[in-house]
Amino acid sequence: MAQRSQLYDFGSATKNYEEYGTATPPLIPFKDISIPTALFSGFLDNLAPIPEVNWIADEMGDMIVFNKQWDIDHFSFILGNDMSFFSVDAVNLLKQYNNMPEV
């Protein structure tokens, strides 16, 4: 698991200090996020491994309204041959939380 889930690191202590007031970027305040959040992840994803996604889910607690993993990697979410997960799960979540009109 990552040692830090932090805001963007500008690469220099000076620039980070200008942006954040500290030499290192502050941690992402997952526990302070207060909007319904859905997590989509893949078992083959090396950029967002399942243990890290589950850690975020634990940090956010009741704000996680959906957390599901598929047998795909990170890029399959935009370049995958089978996007059925999106047309079912994501669209249903959008309808539930955004009151989308029927098309």
N, C-alpha and C. Protein backbone atom coordinates (compact mmCIF):
# COMPACT_ATOMS: atom_id res chain seq x y z
N MET A 1 0.85 -1.18 0.00
CA MET A 1 0.00 0.00 0.00
C MET A 1 0.89 1.24 0.00
N ALA A 2 0.40 2.28 -0.61
CA ALA A 2 1.14 3.54 -0.65
C ALA A 2 1.38 4.07 0.76
N GLN A 3 2.50 4.69 0.93
CA GLN A 3 2.81 5.27 2.23
C GLN A 3 2.02 6.55 2.48
N ARG A 4 1.71 7.27 1.39
CA ARG A 4 1.00 8.54 1.51
C ARG A 4 0.00 8.66 0.35
N SER A 5 -1.18 9.08 0.66
CA SER A 5 -2.12 9.51 -0.37
C SER A 5 -2.20 11.02 -0.20
N GLN A 6 -1.52 11.71 -1.09
CA GLN A 6 -1.32 13.14 -0.90
C GLN A 6 -1.78 13.94 -2.10
N LEU A 7 -1.90 15.24 -1.89
CA LEU A 7 -2.18 16.15 -2.99
C LEU A 7 -0.97 16.20 -3.91
N TYR A 8 -1.11 16.84 -5.05
CA TYR A 8 -0.06 16.88 -6.05
C TYR A 8 1.26 17.39 -5.48
N ASP A 9 2.35 16.69 -5.81
CA ASP A 9 3.69 17.10 -5.39
C ASP A 9 4.32 17.87 -6.54
N PHE A 10 4.61 19.14 -6.33
CA PHE A 10 5.16 19.98 -7.38
C PHE A 10 6.64 19.71 -7.65
N GLY A 11 7.25 18.82 -6.86
CA GLY A 11 8.62 18.41 -7.15
C GLY A 11 9.69 19.21 -6.44
N SER A 12 9.32 20.29 -5.84
CA SER A 12 10.31 21.05 -5.07
C SER A 12 9.65 21.55 -3.79
N ALA A 13 10.46 21.59 -2.75
CA ALA A 13 9.94 22.06 -1.46
C ALA A 13 9.47 23.50 -1.57
N THR A 14 10.16 24.29 -2.39
CA THR A 14 9.80 25.70 -2.55
C THR A 14 8.42 25.84 -3.18
N LYS A 15 8.19 25.13 -4.28
CA LYS A 15 6.89 25.22 -4.96
C LYS A 15 5.78 24.65 -4.08
N ASN A 16 6.04 23.51 -3.42
CA ASN A 16 5.04 22.94 -2.50
C ASN A 16 4.72 23.95 -1.40
N TYR A 17 5.73 24.62 -0.89
CA TYR A 17 5.51 25.60 0.17
C TYR A 17 4.66 26.76 -0.33
N GLU A 18 4.91 27.19 -1.57
CA GLU A 18 4.10 28.27 -2.17
C GLU A 18 2.64 27.86 -2.28
N GLU A 19 2.40 26.61 -2.70
CA GLU A 19 1.03 26.14 -2.93
C GLU A 19 0.31 25.72 -1.66
N TYR A 20 1.04 25.03 -0.75
CA TYR A 20 0.39 24.40 0.40
C TYR A 20 0.80 24.97 1.76
N GLY A 21 1.89 25.72 1.77
CA GLY A 21 2.39 26.21 3.04
C GLY A 21 3.27 25.22 3.78
N THR A 22 3.60 24.10 3.10
CA THR A 22 4.49 23.09 3.67
C THR A 22 5.43 22.58 2.57
N ALA A 23 6.56 22.01 2.98
CA ALA A 23 7.53 21.50 2.00
C ALA A 23 7.03 20.24 1.31
N THR A 24 6.20 19.47 1.98
CA THR A 24 5.63 18.26 1.38
C THR A 24 4.12 18.45 1.22
N PRO A 25 3.55 17.86 0.19
CA PRO A 25 2.11 18.01 -0.01
C PRO A 25 1.31 17.43 1.16
N PRO A 26 0.21 18.05 1.51
CA PRO A 26 -0.62 17.51 2.59
C PRO A 26 -1.33 16.23 2.14
N LEU A 27 -1.72 15.43 3.11
CA LEU A 27 -2.48 14.22 2.83
C LEU A 27 -3.86 14.57 2.29
N ILE A 28 -4.39 13.71 1.47
CA ILE A 28 -5.76 13.88 0.99
C ILE A 28 -6.69 13.58 2.17
N PRO A 29 -7.56 14.50 2.50
CA PRO A 29 -8.43 14.30 3.68
C PRO A 29 -9.67 13.45 3.35
N PHE A 30 -9.45 12.16 3.07
CA PHE A 30 -10.56 11.28 2.67
C PHE A 30 -11.69 11.28 3.69
N LYS A 31 -11.37 11.33 4.97
CA LYS A 31 -12.40 11.28 6.00
C LYS A 31 -13.28 12.53 6.00
N ASP A 32 -12.81 13.61 5.36
CA ASP A 32 -13.58 14.86 5.31
C ASP A 32 -14.45 14.97 4.07
N ILE A 33 -14.35 14.02 3.16
CA ILE A 33 -15.16 14.06 1.93
C ILE A 33 -16.58 13.67 2.30
N SER A 34 -17.52 14.54 1.99
CA SER A 34 -18.90 14.32 2.44
C SER A 34 -19.89 14.29 1.29
N ILE A 35 -19.49 13.66 0.19
CA ILE A 35 -20.41 13.46 -0.93
C ILE A 35 -20.45 11.97 -1.25
N PRO A 36 -21.60 11.47 -1.70
CA PRO A 36 -21.67 10.06 -2.08
C PRO A 36 -20.62 9.77 -3.17
N THR A 37 -19.85 8.72 -2.98
CA THR A 37 -18.74 8.40 -3.87
C THR A 37 -18.80 6.95 -4.29
N ALA A 38 -18.60 6.70 -5.58
CA ALA A 38 -18.54 5.35 -6.13
C ALA A 38 -17.10 5.02 -6.50
N LEU A 39 -16.67 3.82 -6.17
CA LEU A 39 -15.32 3.36 -6.51
C LEU A 39 -15.42 2.23 -7.53
N PHE A 40 -14.77 2.41 -8.65
CA PHE A 40 -14.69 1.40 -9.69
C PHE A 40 -13.23 0.99 -9.79
N SER A 41 -12.92 -0.28 -9.67
CA SER A 41 -11.53 -0.71 -9.72
C SER A 41 -11.40 -2.06 -10.41
N GLY A 42 -10.14 -2.38 -10.75
CA GLY A 42 -9.88 -3.61 -11.47
C GLY A 42 -8.83 -4.46 -10.76
N PHE A 43 -9.04 -5.77 -10.77
CA PHE A 43 -8.10 -6.69 -10.14
C PHE A 43 -6.72 -6.62 -10.79
N LEU A 44 -6.65 -6.20 -12.06
CA LEU A 44 -5.39 -6.16 -12.79
C LEU A 44 -4.78 -4.77 -12.83
N ASP A 45 -5.32 -3.86 -12.04
CA ASP A 45 -4.89 -2.47 -12.07
C ASP A 45 -3.65 -2.25 -11.21
N ASN A 46 -2.54 -1.88 -11.86
CA ASN A 46 -1.31 -1.61 -11.12
C ASN A 46 -1.23 -0.16 -10.65
N LEU A 47 -2.07 0.72 -11.19
CA LEU A 47 -2.05 2.13 -10.78
C LEU A 47 -2.93 2.39 -9.56
N ALA A 48 -3.96 1.60 -9.40
CA ALA A 48 -4.84 1.72 -8.23
C ALA A 48 -5.14 0.30 -7.72
N PRO A 49 -4.18 -0.31 -7.04
CA PRO A 49 -4.36 -1.68 -6.56
C PRO A 49 -5.54 -1.82 -5.58
N ILE A 50 -6.17 -2.96 -5.61
CA ILE A 50 -7.36 -3.22 -4.79
C ILE A 50 -7.13 -2.90 -3.30
N PRO A 51 -5.99 -3.27 -2.70
CA PRO A 51 -5.82 -2.91 -1.28
C PRO A 51 -5.88 -1.40 -1.03
N GLU A 52 -5.36 -0.61 -1.96
CA GLU A 52 -5.41 0.85 -1.79
C GLU A 52 -6.83 1.37 -1.98
N VAL A 53 -7.55 0.83 -2.95
CA VAL A 53 -8.94 1.23 -3.16
C VAL A 53 -9.77 0.89 -1.93
N ASN A 54 -9.55 -0.29 -1.38
CA ASN A 54 -10.29 -0.68 -0.17
C ASN A 54 -9.92 0.18 1.02
N TRP A 55 -8.65 0.62 1.11
CA TRP A 55 -8.24 1.52 2.18
C TRP A 55 -8.99 2.85 2.06
N ILE A 56 -9.10 3.37 0.84
CA ILE A 56 -9.85 4.61 0.62
C ILE A 56 -11.31 4.42 1.04
N ALA A 57 -11.88 3.28 0.66
CA ALA A 57 -13.27 2.99 1.04
C ALA A 57 -13.43 2.98 2.56
N ASP A 58 -12.47 2.38 3.25
CA ASP A 58 -12.53 2.37 4.72
C ASP A 58 -12.41 3.78 5.29
N GLU A 59 -11.51 4.58 4.71
CA GLU A 59 -11.33 5.95 5.19
C GLU A 59 -12.60 6.78 5.01
N MET A 60 -13.29 6.57 3.88
CA MET A 60 -14.47 7.39 3.57
C MET A 60 -15.75 6.87 4.22
N GLY A 61 -15.72 5.63 4.67
CA GLY A 61 -16.86 5.07 5.41
C GLY A 61 -18.17 5.10 4.65
N ASP A 62 -19.18 5.71 5.28
CA ASP A 62 -20.54 5.72 4.74
C ASP A 62 -20.69 6.55 3.46
N MET A 63 -19.69 7.33 3.10
CA MET A 63 -19.77 8.12 1.87
C MET A 63 -19.58 7.24 0.63
N ILE A 64 -19.06 6.02 0.80
CA ILE A 64 -18.92 5.10 -0.33
C ILE A 64 -20.26 4.42 -0.55
N VAL A 65 -20.87 4.71 -1.69
CA VAL A 65 -22.17 4.14 -2.01
C VAL A 65 -22.06 2.96 -2.97
N PHE A 66 -20.87 2.75 -3.51
CA PHE A 66 -20.65 1.66 -4.47
C PHE A 66 -19.16 1.38 -4.51
N ASN A 67 -18.79 0.11 -4.40
CA ASN A 67 -17.38 -0.29 -4.48
C ASN A 67 -17.33 -1.67 -5.11
N LYS A 68 -16.91 -1.73 -6.35
CA LYS A 68 -16.91 -2.99 -7.07
C LYS A 68 -15.64 -3.12 -7.90
N GLN A 69 -15.15 -4.35 -8.01
CA GLN A 69 -13.97 -4.64 -8.79
C GLN A 69 -14.32 -5.56 -9.96
N TRP A 70 -13.62 -5.36 -11.06
CA TRP A 70 -13.78 -6.21 -12.24
C TRP A 70 -12.43 -6.80 -12.62
N ASP A 71 -12.42 -7.75 -13.53
CA ASP A 71 -11.20 -8.39 -14.02
C ASP A 71 -10.60 -7.55 -15.15
N ILE A 72 -10.23 -6.33 -14.84
CA ILE A 72 -9.69 -5.42 -15.85
C ILE A 72 -8.54 -4.62 -15.25
N ASP A 73 -7.81 -3.91 -16.13
CA ASP A 73 -6.75 -3.03 -15.64
C ASP A 73 -7.21 -1.58 -15.69
N HIS A 74 -6.31 -0.68 -15.37
CA HIS A 74 -6.66 0.74 -15.26
C HIS A 74 -7.19 1.31 -16.58
N PHE A 75 -6.55 0.95 -17.67
CA PHE A 75 -6.90 1.53 -18.96
C PHE A 75 -8.16 0.93 -19.57
N SER A 76 -8.59 -0.20 -19.05
CA SER A 76 -9.83 -0.81 -19.54
C SER A 76 -11.04 0.06 -19.26
N PHE A 77 -10.93 0.97 -18.30
CA PHE A 77 -12.05 1.85 -17.98
C PHE A 77 -12.32 2.84 -19.11
N ILE A 78 -11.33 3.10 -19.96
CA ILE A 78 -11.56 4.01 -21.08
C ILE A 78 -11.33 3.35 -22.43
N LEU A 79 -10.55 2.26 -22.47
CA LEU A 79 -10.20 1.63 -23.74
C LEU A 79 -10.64 0.18 -23.84
N GLY A 80 -11.41 -0.29 -22.88
CA GLY A 80 -11.78 -1.70 -22.85
C GLY A 80 -12.73 -2.11 -23.96
N ASN A 81 -12.60 -3.37 -24.38
CA ASN A 81 -13.50 -3.92 -25.39
C ASN A 81 -14.90 -4.14 -24.82
N ASP A 82 -14.98 -4.49 -23.55
CA ASP A 82 -16.26 -4.76 -22.91
C ASP A 82 -16.53 -3.68 -21.87
N MET A 83 -17.40 -2.76 -22.20
CA MET A 83 -17.73 -1.66 -21.29
C MET A 83 -19.09 -1.88 -20.64
N SER A 84 -19.54 -3.13 -20.56
CA SER A 84 -20.86 -3.41 -20.00
C SER A 84 -20.96 -2.97 -18.54
N PHE A 85 -19.84 -3.01 -17.81
CA PHE A 85 -19.88 -2.55 -16.42
C PHE A 85 -20.33 -1.10 -16.36
N PHE A 86 -19.93 -0.32 -17.34
CA PHE A 86 -20.28 1.10 -17.34
C PHE A 86 -21.75 1.29 -17.67
N SER A 87 -22.20 0.58 -18.68
CA SER A 87 -23.59 0.79 -19.12
C SER A 87 -24.59 0.28 -18.09
N VAL A 88 -24.18 -0.57 -17.20
CA VAL A 88 -25.08 -1.07 -16.17
C VAL A 88 -24.85 -0.32 -14.85
N ASP A 89 -23.71 -0.54 -14.25
CA ASP A 89 -23.46 0.01 -12.91
C ASP A 89 -23.32 1.52 -12.88
N ALA A 90 -22.50 2.08 -13.73
CA ALA A 90 -22.27 3.52 -13.70
C ALA A 90 -23.52 4.30 -14.08
N VAL A 91 -24.20 3.87 -15.10
CA VAL A 91 -25.41 4.58 -15.53
C VAL A 91 -26.49 4.51 -14.44
N ASN A 92 -26.63 3.36 -13.80
CA ASN A 92 -27.60 3.25 -12.70
C ASN A 92 -27.26 4.18 -11.55
N LEU A 93 -25.98 4.29 -11.23
CA LEU A 93 -25.56 5.21 -10.17
C LEU A 93 -25.83 6.66 -10.57
N LEU A 94 -25.54 7.00 -11.80
CA LEU A 94 -25.81 8.37 -12.26
C LEU A 94 -27.29 8.69 -12.18
N LYS A 95 -28.12 7.75 -12.59
CA LYS A 95 -29.57 7.97 -12.50
C LYS A 95 -30.00 8.13 -11.05
N GLN A 96 -29.45 7.33 -10.16
CA GLN A 96 -29.84 7.36 -8.76
C GLN A 96 -29.44 8.66 -8.07
N TYR A 97 -28.24 9.17 -8.38
CA TYR A 97 -27.72 10.31 -7.65
C TYR A 97 -27.81 11.64 -8.38
N ASN A 98 -28.16 11.63 -9.66
CA ASN A 98 -28.19 12.88 -10.41
C ASN A 98 -29.52 13.17 -11.07
N ASN A 99 -30.51 12.35 -10.84
CA ASN A 99 -31.83 12.58 -11.42
C ASN A 99 -31.75 12.87 -12.92
N MET A 100 -31.05 12.01 -13.63
CA MET A 100 -30.90 12.19 -15.08
C MET A 100 -32.22 11.93 -15.79
N PRO A 101 -32.55 12.76 -16.77
CA PRO A 101 -33.78 12.49 -17.53
C PRO A 101 -33.59 11.27 -18.42
N GLU A 102 -34.65 10.58 -18.68
CA GLU A 102 -34.61 9.42 -19.59
C GLU A 102 -34.35 9.91 -21.00
N VAL A 103 -33.53 9.18 -21.73
CA VAL A 103 -33.20 9.56 -23.11
C VAL A 103 -33.93 8.65 -24.06
